[in-house]
Structure formats: structure tokens, C-alpha cells
Amino acid sequence: MAQRARKTSGTLVVGLGRFGAAVAVTLEHLGFEVLAMEKQNSRVHHFSGTLPLVQGDGTDPEALDQAGAQDFSSAVVGVGSSLEASVLITANLVDLGVESIWAKAISREHGRILRRIGAHHVVYPEYDAGQRTAHLVGGQMLDYIEMDKSEFVIAKMRPPRELEGFTLGESMVQTKYGVRVISLMRSGKAFQYADAQTRVDREDVLVVSGNSLDVIRFSERPR
């Protein structure tokens, strides 16, 4: 079993399936302190040398204690396919006093159980990806992100025809459609925030925010 120095920050990722591995690798690439825990030999071998890694079973409180789970400020439970394992790992992390626990759920019922036993954040990767894809396939949007359960969304889209050649102030987007253009993305240009004087070109990509229904209606304007 790998050894590591005691820490007072960083993230422990338990389970290196597709979700857990993506979280751990991204955190590592971003320069954050991260330690992954995985019990399957094949996955341990695959990620050895790529991630700080310890082999162990997160359903075993002693294994988590030996890995120093209590010294991490946050933990991600990447195990979702086994409800029992997911619940046991989450409960063990709660008992160890981890301040911020993120847990993957495969259903709303699963998520409710995780919250009841103490998970601070529950994510639904399959549901969220499916919902996002539906909006992209079924409409004019290039990207679509729903923020929590508030119906507030952020989307990327090409500008409707009626905005082309006009400034945002002249087209009165927010007044007419209830959405706010946060920025314009232009090929080869640096990111810039939009304001009333920002003029829209046909090849621009708008980053828009607002209520989901308003954003969808705005994306459906003629192009």
C-alpha cells in the first residue's frame, strides 16, 4: 500500500470508474492535491504513475483511516453502480469528519439516501449528460449548462438573425427576450464580456444566461 504524508487539505477520490477517474485526473492536471483510492487491481495498475494512488476498499473504515481520509478537506465518492458500496463509503467518510463530501448517484432515490446519511453534494452524471445532450440535439444551442435546480441556465449559441449588425443595447435583448448576453466569443479573439455597446456579428457565438424556458425560446429565433 502506498504511503503519503499527512495533509490538511486536498481531495480524496474513492473509486476510479469513468466518473471518479475523470474527477481525479482533472484535479491532478489543475494542480490540486488529490489522492485516489481504488480496490480493483486492473484499475490500480492502469492509473499507477498517472495519479497519487492507494489500493484499498472504501467500504472498510480501517482502509479509509489508513489512507488518511480524515485529513482531506473534501472527498468524492465515484462509486455509483453498487448502491451498498456507495452508501457505506459515504457513511464512513461522514464518520471520519470529512468537511465536504461529493457523491455520485444513479437515481433520485439513491441521491436522497446519500443526502440523508450526510453527503453534502450529490451529482447525477448520467442524468445531467443526457439532459444536456437532449438540449443540444433538439435545438440550436452549442452548449447548455443547468445550474442546480433553479431553472437558471447558461448556454452557447449562434446569434439570431435580428441581432446581426446591431449592438446589444439597440436590439434590447434582455427587455424583449428575458435573457442576458454575458459575452461574445469570436474566432481568434480573447474572451470579452458583453455590454450595451457590444455589436453582434453573424459568426459570433453568444454566451447567454437566464431562465431555461427563456433561453430555449431565444435559441429558437430565426437564423
Foldseek 3Di string as FASTA:
>chain_A
DDDDDFAQEFEEEEDCDPVSVVVQLVCVVVPTHYEYEAADPVVCVVCVVRGRYDYDQLLDLVRCVRRNLLRYQEYEYPDEPDLVSQLSNLLSSVVSPRNAYEYEYCDVVSVVSSVVSPHPHYDHVVVQVVVFVCLVVVFFWPGKDDDDPPQKIKTKGFAAPVQAFAFCLVVVCCVVQVKDFQWKDDPPDDTDGGDRRHGHHRPIMTIMIGGNVSVRVRRHHHD
